[in-house]
Amino acid sequence: MSALLTTTMPSMGATIEALKEAGLREQVKVMIGGAPITQDFADKIGADGFARMPAAPRARSRDC
């Protein structure tokens, strides 16, 4: 998922929670990024990966 504004960041955590509630969280990897996103925020919401650059999550997904 990508966030361009801080106002969209809470929906990222809500999406991860929805995946948990649906019993799908363990079946998918959640990679996040965007201008306002930090590694700390990714850790806080339980994302599997974080990247600043758009192409980086694809490369990092192989490591998850």
Protein backbone atom coordinates (compact mmCIF):
# COMPACT_ATOMS: atom_id res chain seq x y z
CA MET A 1 0.00 0.00 0.00
CA SER A 2 1.12 3.53 -0.62
CA ALA A 3 0.33 6.75 1.23
CA LEU A 4 0.81 10.15 -0.29
CA LEU A 5 -0.64 12.07 2.66
CA THR A 6 -0.64 11.46 6.40
CA THR A 7 -4.45 11.45 6.32
CA THR A 8 -4.39 8.12 4.46
CA MET A 9 -2.07 6.38 6.91
CA PRO A 10 -4.72 5.21 9.42
CA SER A 11 -6.46 3.22 6.70
CA MET A 12 -3.32 1.14 6.28
CA GLY A 13 -3.58 -0.11 9.84
CA ALA A 14 -7.31 -0.67 9.36
CA THR A 15 -6.59 -2.76 6.26
CA ILE A 16 -4.18 -4.97 8.18
CA GLU A 17 -6.77 -5.38 10.95
CA ALA A 18 -9.42 -6.31 8.36
CA LEU A 19 -7.09 -8.95 6.95
CA LYS A 20 -6.67 -10.38 10.48
CA GLU A 21 -10.42 -10.40 11.11
CA ALA A 22 -11.02 -12.18 7.81
CA GLY A 23 -8.42 -14.82 8.69
CA LEU A 24 -6.25 -13.84 5.73
CA ARG A 25 -3.35 -12.03 7.39
CA GLU A 26 -1.03 -15.02 7.45
CA GLN A 27 -1.64 -15.64 3.74
CA VAL A 28 -0.51 -12.25 2.44
CA LYS A 29 2.49 -9.97 2.79
CA VAL A 30 1.76 -6.30 3.41
CA MET A 31 4.33 -3.88 2.04
CA ILE A 32 3.87 -0.16 2.62
CA GLY A 33 5.58 3.01 1.51
CA GLY A 34 5.10 6.59 0.47
CA ALA A 35 6.27 10.04 1.43
CA PRO A 36 4.93 10.13 5.02
CA ILE A 37 5.69 6.50 5.88
CA THR A 38 8.55 5.45 8.17
CA GLN A 39 9.90 2.11 9.33
CA ASP A 40 8.57 2.94 12.79
CA PHE A 41 5.04 3.34 11.44
CA ALA A 42 5.33 0.10 9.46
CA ASP A 43 6.38 -1.72 12.63
CA LYS A 44 3.57 -0.11 14.62
CA ILE A 45 0.81 -1.30 12.28
CA GLY A 46 2.36 -4.74 11.69
CA ALA A 47 3.36 -4.37 8.04
CA ASP A 48 5.75 -6.97 6.68
CA GLY A 49 7.89 -4.47 4.88
CA PHE A 50 8.60 -0.82 4.23
CA ALA A 51 10.35 0.98 1.41
CA ARG A 52 10.82 4.62 0.45
CA MET A 53 11.31 4.00 -3.26
CA PRO A 54 8.43 2.60 -5.38
CA ALA A 55 10.33 -0.37 -6.84
CA ALA A 56 11.94 -1.44 -3.56
CA PRO A 57 8.97 -3.41 -2.13
CA ARG A 58 9.04 -5.75 -5.10
CA ALA A 59 12.69 -6.59 -4.48
CA ARG A 60 12.20 -6.79 -0.71
CA SER A 61 9.14 -9.06 -1.04
CA ARG A 62 11.47 -11.89 -1.94
CA ASP A 63 13.04 -11.59 1.51
CA CYS A 64 9.76 -11.80 3.45
